[in-house]
């Protein structure tokens, strides 16, 4: 989805990660929307009775 995005190391000890251009709002929104579709639905949590 981001073939031209550079890979950078965000902090010491980390692996290289794709660093999208945060100033390009349209591309960033497209990436987030595509990722949202792939995420699973959150699991419901069962409340514990004490």
Protein backbone atom coordinates (compact mmCIF):
# COMPACT_ATOMS: atom_id res chain seq x y z
CA UNK A 1 0.00 0.00 0.00
CA UNK A 2 2.93 2.34 0.64
CA UNK A 3 5.59 1.22 -1.84
CA UNK A 4 7.50 4.51 -1.71
CA UNK A 5 7.46 4.92 2.09
CA UNK A 6 10.95 4.87 3.56
CA UNK A 7 11.91 2.35 6.23
CA UNK A 8 13.47 3.86 9.34
CA UNK A 9 14.43 2.73 12.83
CA UNK A 10 12.07 4.64 15.19
CA UNK A 11 14.20 4.09 18.33
CA UNK A 12 17.36 2.26 19.43
CA UNK A 13 16.94 -1.51 19.38
CA UNK A 14 13.87 -1.47 17.12
CA UNK A 15 13.55 -3.12 13.73
CA UNK A 16 13.07 -1.03 10.61
CA UNK A 17 9.49 0.16 10.17
CA UNK A 18 7.62 1.86 7.35
CA UNK A 19 7.43 5.55 8.14
CA UNK A 20 4.56 7.13 6.19
CA UNK A 21 4.51 10.82 5.35
CA UNK A 22 2.32 12.26 8.11
CA UNK A 23 1.79 15.48 6.14
CA UNK A 24 0.00 13.60 3.33
CA UNK A 25 -3.42 13.39 4.96
CA UNK A 26 -5.15 11.53 2.11
CA UNK A 27 -2.62 8.70 1.99
CA UNK A 28 -2.53 8.40 5.77
CA UNK A 29 -6.34 8.18 5.94
CA UNK A 30 -6.37 5.52 3.22
CA UNK A 31 -3.84 3.42 5.16
CA UNK A 32 -5.80 3.71 8.41
CA UNK A 33 -9.10 2.84 6.71
CA UNK A 34 -7.51 -0.21 5.05
CA UNK A 35 -6.04 -1.37 8.36
CA UNK A 36 -9.35 -0.89 10.18
CA UNK A 37 -11.08 -3.32 7.79
CA UNK A 38 -8.47 -6.01 8.57
CA UNK A 39 -8.67 -5.75 12.36
CA UNK A 40 -10.79 -8.29 14.25
CA UNK A 41 -13.80 -7.19 16.30
CA UNK A 42 -12.91 -6.58 19.95
CA UNK A 43 -13.72 -9.45 22.28
CA UNK A 44 -16.29 -8.80 24.96
CA UNK A 45 -14.87 -8.91 28.45
CA UNK A 46 -16.60 -10.86 31.16
CA UNK A 47 -16.84 -8.97 34.42
CA UNK A 48 -15.55 -10.91 37.39
CA UNK A 49 -17.74 -10.94 40.48
CA UNK A 50 -15.80 -10.60 43.72
